[in-house]
All heavy atoms as atom14 arrays in JSON, in Angstrom:
{
  "sequence": "QWLTPSGLASLYKLMSMVGINAIVFNKLVPIALGLIS",
  "atom14_mask": [
    [1, 1, 1, 1, 1, 1, 1, 1, 1, 0, 0, 0, 0, 0],
    [1, 1, 1, 1, 1, 1, 1, 1, 1, 1, 1, 1, 1, 1],
    [1, 1, 1, 1, 1, 1, 1, 1, 0, 0, 0, 0, 0, 0],
    [1, 1, 1, 1, 1, 1, 1, 0, 0, 0, 0, 0, 0, 0],
    [1, 1, 1, 1, 1, 1, 1, 0, 0, 0, 0, 0, 0, 0],
    [1, 1, 1, 1, 1, 1, 0, 0, 0, 0, 0, 0, 0, 0],
    [1, 1, 1, 1, 0, 0, 0, 0, 0, 0, 0, 0, 0, 0],
    [1, 1, 1, 1, 1, 1, 1, 1, 0, 0, 0, 0, 0, 0],
    [1, 1, 1, 1, 1, 0, 0, 0, 0, 0, 0, 0, 0, 0],
    [1, 1, 1, 1, 1, 1, 0, 0, 0, 0, 0, 0, 0, 0],
    [1, 1, 1, 1, 1, 1, 1, 1, 0, 0, 0, 0, 0, 0],
    [1, 1, 1, 1, 1, 1, 1, 1, 1, 1, 1, 1, 0, 0],
    [1, 1, 1, 1, 1, 1, 1, 1, 1, 0, 0, 0, 0, 0],
    [1, 1, 1, 1, 1, 1, 1, 1, 0, 0, 0, 0, 0, 0],
    [1, 1, 1, 1, 1, 1, 1, 1, 0, 0, 0, 0, 0, 0],
    [1, 1, 1, 1, 1, 1, 0, 0, 0, 0, 0, 0, 0, 0],
    [1, 1, 1, 1, 1, 1, 1, 1, 0, 0, 0, 0, 0, 0],
    [1, 1, 1, 1, 1, 1, 1, 0, 0, 0, 0, 0, 0, 0],
    [1, 1, 1, 1, 0, 0, 0, 0, 0, 0, 0, 0, 0, 0],
    [1, 1, 1, 1, 1, 1, 1, 1, 0, 0, 0, 0, 0, 0],
    [1, 1, 1, 1, 1, 1, 1, 1, 0, 0, 0, 0, 0, 0],
    [1, 1, 1, 1, 1, 0, 0, 0, 0, 0, 0, 0, 0, 0],
    [1, 1, 1, 1, 1, 1, 1, 1, 0, 0, 0, 0, 0, 0],
    [1, 1, 1, 1, 1, 1, 1, 0, 0, 0, 0, 0, 0, 0],
    [1, 1, 1, 1, 1, 1, 1, 1, 1, 1, 1, 0, 0, 0],
    [1, 1, 1, 1, 1, 1, 1, 1, 0, 0, 0, 0, 0, 0],
    [1, 1, 1, 1, 1, 1, 1, 1, 1, 0, 0, 0, 0, 0],
    [1, 1, 1, 1, 1, 1, 1, 1, 0, 0, 0, 0, 0, 0],
    [1, 1, 1, 1, 1, 1, 1, 0, 0, 0, 0, 0, 0, 0],
    [1, 1, 1, 1, 1, 1, 1, 0, 0, 0, 0, 0, 0, 0],
    [1, 1, 1, 1, 1, 1, 1, 1, 0, 0, 0, 0, 0, 0],
    [1, 1, 1, 1, 1, 0, 0, 0, 0, 0, 0, 0, 0, 0],
    [1, 1, 1, 1, 1, 1, 1, 1, 0, 0, 0, 0, 0, 0],
    [1, 1, 1, 1, 0, 0, 0, 0, 0, 0, 0, 0, 0, 0],
    [1, 1, 1, 1, 1, 1, 1, 1, 0, 0, 0, 0, 0, 0],
    [1, 1, 1, 1, 1, 1, 1, 1, 0, 0, 0, 0, 0, 0],
    [1, 1, 1, 1, 1, 1, 0, 0, 0, 0, 0, 0, 0, 0]
  ],
  "atom14_positions": [
    [[0.77, -1.2, -0.02], [-0.04, 0.01, -0.01], [0.91, 1.28, -0.05], [0.57, 2.18, -0.7], [-0.91, -0.04, 1.2], [-1.75, 1.21, 1.28], [-2.87, 1.18, 2.39], [-2.97, 0.15, 3.1], [-3.63, 2.19, 2.63], [0.0, 0.0, 0.0], [0.0, 0.0, 0.0], [0.0, 0.0, 0.0], [0.0, 0.0, 0.0], [0.0, 0.0, 0.0]],
    [[1.91, 1.25, 0.78], [2.79, 2.3, 0.74], [3.64, 2.57, -0.49], [3.98, 3.62, -0.86], [3.88, 2.19, 1.96], [5.0, 3.16, 2.0], [4.91, 4.41, 2.57], [6.33, 2.93, 1.47], [6.13, 5.09, 2.4], [6.99, 4.12, 1.71], [6.86, 1.91, 0.87], [8.36, 4.28, 1.3], [8.29, 2.03, 0.47], [8.95, 3.2, 0.67]],
    [[3.87, 1.41, -1.21], [4.64, 1.36, -2.36], [3.9, 1.81, -3.61], [4.45, 2.19, -4.58], [5.24, -0.17, -2.64], [6.35, -0.22, -3.57], [7.6, 0.46, -2.98], [6.68, -1.73, -3.72], [0.0, 0.0, 0.0], [0.0, 0.0, 0.0], [0.0, 0.0, 0.0], [0.0, 0.0, 0.0], [0.0, 0.0, 0.0], [0.0, 0.0, 0.0]],
    [[2.63, 1.71, -3.58], [1.81, 1.88, -4.84], [1.69, 3.45, -5.0], [1.38, 4.28, -4.12], [0.31, 1.39, -4.57], [0.38, -0.06, -4.28], [-0.54, 1.69, -5.8], [0.0, 0.0, 0.0], [0.0, 0.0, 0.0], [0.0, 0.0, 0.0], [0.0, 0.0, 0.0], [0.0, 0.0, 0.0], [0.0, 0.0, 0.0], [0.0, 0.0, 0.0]],
    [[1.89, 3.86, -6.27], [1.77, 5.35, -6.6], [0.38, 5.78, -6.33], [-0.63, 5.19, -6.45], [2.19, 5.28, -8.13], [2.88, 4.02, -8.39], [2.39, 3.02, -7.36], [0.0, 0.0, 0.0], [0.0, 0.0, 0.0], [0.0, 0.0, 0.0], [0.0, 0.0, 0.0], [0.0, 0.0, 0.0], [0.0, 0.0, 0.0], [0.0, 0.0, 0.0]],
    [[0.36, 7.08, -5.94], [-0.96, 7.63, -5.46], [-1.89, 7.74, -6.68], [-3.18, 7.65, -6.36], [-0.68, 9.07, -4.97], [-0.02, 9.85, -5.99], [0.0, 0.0, 0.0], [0.0, 0.0, 0.0], [0.0, 0.0, 0.0], [0.0, 0.0, 0.0], [0.0, 0.0, 0.0], [0.0, 0.0, 0.0], [0.0, 0.0, 0.0], [0.0, 0.0, 0.0]],
    [[-1.49, 7.91, -7.85], [-2.38, 7.99, -9.02], [-3.16, 6.75, -9.16], [-4.4, 6.62, -9.27], [0.0, 0.0, 0.0], [0.0, 0.0, 0.0], [0.0, 0.0, 0.0], [0.0, 0.0, 0.0], [0.0, 0.0, 0.0], [0.0, 0.0, 0.0], [0.0, 0.0, 0.0], [0.0, 0.0, 0.0], [0.0, 0.0, 0.0], [0.0, 0.0, 0.0]],
    [[-2.44, 5.57, -9.15], [-3.03, 4.25, -9.23], [-4.0, 3.96, -8.24], [-5.17, 3.38, -8.46], [-1.92, 3.21, -9.37], [-2.45, 1.83, -9.73], [-2.8, 1.71, -11.18], [-1.31, 0.86, -9.4], [0.0, 0.0, 0.0], [0.0, 0.0, 0.0], [0.0, 0.0, 0.0], [0.0, 0.0, 0.0], [0.0, 0.0, 0.0], [0.0, 0.0, 0.0]],
    [[-3.65, 4.32, -7.04], [-4.47, 3.99, -5.8], [-5.64, 4.79, -5.79], [-6.81, 4.22, -5.45], [-3.7, 4.23, -4.58], [0.0, 0.0, 0.0], [0.0, 0.0, 0.0], [0.0, 0.0, 0.0], [0.0, 0.0, 0.0], [0.0, 0.0, 0.0], [0.0, 0.0, 0.0], [0.0, 0.0, 0.0], [0.0, 0.0, 0.0], [0.0, 0.0, 0.0]],
    [[-5.56, 6.03, -6.24], [-6.71, 6.96, -6.3], [-7.81, 6.45, -7.41], [-8.97, 6.4, -7.22], [-6.31, 8.27, -6.61], [-5.48, 8.91, -5.67], [0.0, 0.0, 0.0], [0.0, 0.0, 0.0], [0.0, 0.0, 0.0], [0.0, 0.0, 0.0], [0.0, 0.0, 0.0], [0.0, 0.0, 0.0], [0.0, 0.0, 0.0], [0.0, 0.0, 0.0]],
    [[-7.22, 5.88, -8.48], [-8.12, 5.3, -9.58], [-8.82, 4.23, -9.07], [-10.11, 4.09, -9.41], [-7.36, 5.11, -10.83], [-7.91, 4.37, -12.0], [-9.07, 5.37, -12.5], [-7.08, 4.09, -13.18], [0.0, 0.0, 0.0], [0.0, 0.0, 0.0], [0.0, 0.0, 0.0], [0.0, 0.0, 0.0], [0.0, 0.0, 0.0], [0.0, 0.0, 0.0]],
    [[-8.14, 3.26, -8.45], [-8.81, 2.07, -7.97], [-9.76, 2.37, -6.86], [-10.91, 1.73, -6.73], [-7.8, 0.96, -7.46], [-7.26, 0.16, -8.63], [-6.21, 0.51, -9.52], [-7.74, -1.08, -8.85], [-5.69, -0.12, -10.5], [-7.16, -1.91, -9.77], [-6.29, -1.45, -10.68], [-5.71, -2.33, -11.72], [0.0, 0.0, 0.0], [0.0, 0.0, 0.0]],
    [[-9.43, 3.36, -6.02], [-10.46, 3.73, -5.03], [-11.64, 4.34, -5.6], [-12.71, 4.06, -5.17], [-9.72, 4.7, -4.03], [-10.53, 5.15, -2.83], [-9.89, 5.98, -1.86], [-10.74, 6.26, -0.67], [-10.06, 7.29, 0.3], [0.0, 0.0, 0.0], [0.0, 0.0, 0.0], [0.0, 0.0, 0.0], [0.0, 0.0, 0.0], [0.0, 0.0, 0.0]],
    [[-11.46, 5.12, -6.68], [-12.61, 5.72, -7.37], [-13.64, 4.62, -7.93], [-14.91, 4.77, -7.81], [-12.21, 6.73, -8.42], [-13.24, 7.24, -9.36], [-14.12, 8.23, -8.35], [-12.77, 8.18, -10.41], [0.0, 0.0, 0.0], [0.0, 0.0, 0.0], [0.0, 0.0, 0.0], [0.0, 0.0, 0.0], [0.0, 0.0, 0.0], [0.0, 0.0, 0.0]],
    [[-12.94, 3.63, -8.47], [-13.73, 2.48, -9.11], [-14.45, 1.81, -8.0], [-15.59, 1.3, -8.15], [-12.83, 1.57, -9.9], [-12.28, 2.2, -11.13], [-13.56, 2.72, -12.33], [-13.49, 4.44, -12.13], [0.0, 0.0, 0.0], [0.0, 0.0, 0.0], [0.0, 0.0, 0.0], [0.0, 0.0, 0.0], [0.0, 0.0, 0.0], [0.0, 0.0, 0.0]],
    [[-13.83, 1.55, -6.81], [-14.57, 0.81, -5.7], [-15.64, 1.65, -5.17], [-16.71, 1.0, -4.74], [-13.5, 0.53, -4.67], [-13.11, 1.81, -4.02], [0.0, 0.0, 0.0], [0.0, 0.0, 0.0], [0.0, 0.0, 0.0], [0.0, 0.0, 0.0], [0.0, 0.0, 0.0], [0.0, 0.0, 0.0], [0.0, 0.0, 0.0], [0.0, 0.0, 0.0]],
    [[-15.62, 2.97, -5.26], [-16.69, 3.79, -4.9], [-18.02, 3.82, -5.68], [-19.08, 3.93, -5.14], [-16.13, 5.36, -4.76], [-15.22, 5.53, -3.71], [-14.51, 7.24, -3.66], [-15.93, 8.25, -3.41], [0.0, 0.0, 0.0], [0.0, 0.0, 0.0], [0.0, 0.0, 0.0], [0.0, 0.0, 0.0], [0.0, 0.0, 0.0], [0.0, 0.0, 0.0]],
    [[-17.79, 3.37, -7.06], [-18.92, 3.14, -7.84], [-19.34, 1.72, -8.05], [-20.02, 1.42, -8.87], [-18.6, 3.76, -9.31], [-18.29, 5.19, -9.23], [-17.44, 3.06, -9.93], [0.0, 0.0, 0.0], [0.0, 0.0, 0.0], [0.0, 0.0, 0.0], [0.0, 0.0, 0.0], [0.0, 0.0, 0.0], [0.0, 0.0, 0.0], [0.0, 0.0, 0.0]],
    [[-18.65, 0.91, -7.19], [-19.16, -0.48, -7.13], [-18.31, -1.53, -7.82], [-18.7, -2.71, -7.96], [0.0, 0.0, 0.0], [0.0, 0.0, 0.0], [0.0, 0.0, 0.0], [0.0, 0.0, 0.0], [0.0, 0.0, 0.0], [0.0, 0.0, 0.0], [0.0, 0.0, 0.0], [0.0, 0.0, 0.0], [0.0, 0.0, 0.0], [0.0, 0.0, 0.0]],
    [[-17.14, -1.14, -8.39], [-16.25, -2.06, -9.04], [-15.11, -2.44, -8.12], [-14.18, -1.52, -7.95], [-15.8, -1.53, -10.43], [-17.0, -1.09, -11.3], [-15.02, -2.57, -11.19], [-16.6, -0.33, -12.66], [0.0, 0.0, 0.0], [0.0, 0.0, 0.0], [0.0, 0.0, 0.0], [0.0, 0.0, 0.0], [0.0, 0.0, 0.0], [0.0, 0.0, 0.0]],
    [[-14.99, -3.54, -7.78], [-13.83, -3.96, -6.8], [-12.52, -4.02, -7.53], [-12.55, -4.06, -8.78], [-14.23, -5.23, -5.9], [-14.04, -6.39, -6.75], [-13.04, -6.78, -7.44], [-15.11, -7.32, -6.85], [0.0, 0.0, 0.0], [0.0, 0.0, 0.0], [0.0, 0.0, 0.0], [0.0, 0.0, 0.0], [0.0, 0.0, 0.0], [0.0, 0.0, 0.0]],
    [[-11.42, -3.93, -6.77], [-10.21, -3.81, -7.38], [-9.77, -4.95, -8.35], [-9.22, -4.92, -9.37], [-9.1, -3.79, -6.2], [0.0, 0.0, 0.0], [0.0, 0.0, 0.0], [0.0, 0.0, 0.0], [0.0, 0.0, 0.0], [0.0, 0.0, 0.0], [0.0, 0.0, 0.0], [0.0, 0.0, 0.0], [0.0, 0.0, 0.0], [0.0, 0.0, 0.0]],
    [[-10.19, -6.25, -7.95], [-9.81, -7.39, -8.8], [-10.46, -7.4, -10.22], [-9.94, -7.58, -11.15], [-10.2, -8.7, -8.04], [-9.42, -8.91, -6.74], [-9.87, -9.91, -8.96], [-7.93, -8.75, -6.76], [0.0, 0.0, 0.0], [0.0, 0.0, 0.0], [0.0, 0.0, 0.0], [0.0, 0.0, 0.0], [0.0, 0.0, 0.0], [0.0, 0.0, 0.0]],
    [[-11.88, -7.07, -10.12], [-12.55, -6.93, -11.39], [-12.08, -5.86, -12.32], [-11.79, -5.98, -13.58], [-14.03, -6.79, -11.14], [-14.81, -6.4, -12.41], [-14.6, -7.98, -10.41], [0.0, 0.0, 0.0], [0.0, 0.0, 0.0], [0.0, 0.0, 0.0], [0.0, 0.0, 0.0], [0.0, 0.0, 0.0], [0.0, 0.0, 0.0], [0.0, 0.0, 0.0]],
    [[-11.77, -4.6, -11.65], [-11.3, -3.52, -12.46], [-9.96, -3.73, -12.99], [-9.62, -3.27, -14.13], [-11.26, -2.35, -11.43], [-10.75, -1.07, -12.24], [-11.52, -0.48, -13.23], [-9.51, -0.34, -11.79], [-11.03, 0.57, -13.96], [-9.17, 0.62, -12.52], [-10.02, 1.28, -13.48], [0.0, 0.0, 0.0], [0.0, 0.0, 0.0], [0.0, 0.0, 0.0]],
    [[-9.07, -4.56, -12.23], [-7.78, -4.98, -12.58], [-7.86, -5.82, -13.93], [-6.95, -5.7, -14.83], [-6.99, -5.73, -11.6], [-5.69, -6.28, -12.06], [-5.5, -7.39, -12.27], [-4.83, -5.22, -11.95], [0.0, 0.0, 0.0], [0.0, 0.0, 0.0], [0.0, 0.0, 0.0], [0.0, 0.0, 0.0], [0.0, 0.0, 0.0], [0.0, 0.0, 0.0]],
    [[-8.88, -6.53, -14.09], [-9.01, -7.4, -15.22], [-9.63, -6.58, -16.54], [-9.52, -6.89, -17.66], [-9.83, -8.59, -15.07], [-9.33, -9.56, -13.99], [-10.31, -10.72, -13.74], [-9.66, -11.55, -12.72], [-10.45, -12.77, -12.44], [0.0, 0.0, 0.0], [0.0, 0.0, 0.0], [0.0, 0.0, 0.0], [0.0, 0.0, 0.0], [0.0, 0.0, 0.0]],
    [[-10.21, -5.32, -16.24], [-10.93, -4.58, -17.31], [-9.99, -3.44, -17.81], [-9.99, -3.19, -18.89], [-12.19, -3.94, -16.79], [-13.24, -4.97, -16.39], [-14.49, -4.35, -15.87], [-13.65, -5.78, -17.68], [0.0, 0.0, 0.0], [0.0, 0.0, 0.0], [0.0, 0.0, 0.0], [0.0, 0.0, 0.0], [0.0, 0.0, 0.0], [0.0, 0.0, 0.0]],
    [[-9.2, -2.97, -16.87], [-8.4, -1.64, -17.13], [-7.48, -1.95, -18.22], [-7.18, -1.02, -19.14], [-7.81, -1.01, -15.94], [-6.62, -2.0, -15.57], [-7.28, 0.28, -16.21], [0.0, 0.0, 0.0], [0.0, 0.0, 0.0], [0.0, 0.0, 0.0], [0.0, 0.0, 0.0], [0.0, 0.0, 0.0], [0.0, 0.0, 0.0], [0.0, 0.0, 0.0]],
    [[-6.77, -3.16, -18.48], [-5.9, -3.32, -19.51], [-6.48, -3.01, -21.08], [-5.8, -2.65, -21.88], [-5.42, -4.72, -19.48], [-5.5, -5.03, -18.01], [-6.84, -4.26, -17.55], [0.0, 0.0, 0.0], [0.0, 0.0, 0.0], [0.0, 0.0, 0.0], [0.0, 0.0, 0.0], [0.0, 0.0, 0.0], [0.0, 0.0, 0.0], [0.0, 0.0, 0.0]],
    [[-7.87, -3.28, -21.02], [-8.55, -3.07, -22.41], [-8.38, -1.59, -22.71], [-7.96, -1.17, -23.93], [-9.92, -3.45, -22.25], [-9.97, -4.94, -21.88], [-10.59, -3.27, -23.66], [-11.5, -5.41, -21.57], [0.0, 0.0, 0.0], [0.0, 0.0, 0.0], [0.0, 0.0, 0.0], [0.0, 0.0, 0.0], [0.0, 0.0, 0.0], [0.0, 0.0, 0.0]],
    [[-8.62, -0.66, -21.67], [-8.8, 0.79, -22.01], [-7.26, 1.17, -22.32], [-6.95, 1.98, -23.21], [-9.33, 1.55, -20.84], [0.0, 0.0, 0.0], [0.0, 0.0, 0.0], [0.0, 0.0, 0.0], [0.0, 0.0, 0.0], [0.0, 0.0, 0.0], [0.0, 0.0, 0.0], [0.0, 0.0, 0.0], [0.0, 0.0, 0.0], [0.0, 0.0, 0.0]],
    [[-6.27, 0.63, -21.53], [-4.83, 1.0, -21.64], [-4.39, 0.53, -22.94], [-3.65, 1.42, -23.64], [-4.08, 0.38, -20.6], [-4.35, 0.74, -19.13], [-3.49, -0.08, -18.2], [-4.21, 2.3, -18.98], [0.0, 0.0, 0.0], [0.0, 0.0, 0.0], [0.0, 0.0, 0.0], [0.0, 0.0, 0.0], [0.0, 0.0, 0.0], [0.0, 0.0, 0.0]],
    [[-4.77, -0.52, -23.52], [-4.38, -1.01, -24.86], [-4.95, -0.07, -25.91], [-4.21, 0.16, -26.89], [0.0, 0.0, 0.0], [0.0, 0.0, 0.0], [0.0, 0.0, 0.0], [0.0, 0.0, 0.0], [0.0, 0.0, 0.0], [0.0, 0.0, 0.0], [0.0, 0.0, 0.0], [0.0, 0.0, 0.0], [0.0, 0.0, 0.0], [0.0, 0.0, 0.0]],
    [[-6.28, 0.25, -25.81], [-6.76, 1.14, -26.88], [-6.22, 2.45, -26.94], [-5.85, 3.0, -27.97], [-8.36, 1.25, -26.63], [-9.18, 0.04, -26.99], [-10.69, 0.21, -26.36], [-9.24, -0.13, -28.47], [0.0, 0.0, 0.0], [0.0, 0.0, 0.0], [0.0, 0.0, 0.0], [0.0, 0.0, 0.0], [0.0, 0.0, 0.0], [0.0, 0.0, 0.0]],
    [[-5.88, 3.07, -25.73], [-5.34, 4.4, -25.6], [-3.86, 4.36, -26.27], [-3.39, 5.25, -26.96], [-5.28, 4.85, -24.21], [-6.66, 5.15, -23.68], [-4.56, 6.26, -24.15], [-6.83, 5.45, -22.33], [0.0, 0.0, 0.0], [0.0, 0.0, 0.0], [0.0, 0.0, 0.0], [0.0, 0.0, 0.0], [0.0, 0.0, 0.0], [0.0, 0.0, 0.0]],
    [[-3.14, 3.21, -25.79], [-1.74, 3.08, -26.3], [-1.85, 2.92, -27.92], [-0.95, 3.57, -28.5], [-1.19, 1.88, -25.77], [-1.1, 1.99, -24.35], [0.0, 0.0, 0.0], [0.0, 0.0, 0.0], [0.0, 0.0, 0.0], [0.0, 0.0, 0.0], [0.0, 0.0, 0.0], [0.0, 0.0, 0.0], [0.0, 0.0, 0.0], [0.0, 0.0, 0.0]]
  ]
}
């Protein structure tokens, strides 16, 4: 938790606030990252 960059932690926290837990979001976010790349 201490090691994780603040931007990443904030993004995952935001997703958990809208009902998407970290594990599920972790499996979905690479799709968006791949498209943007």
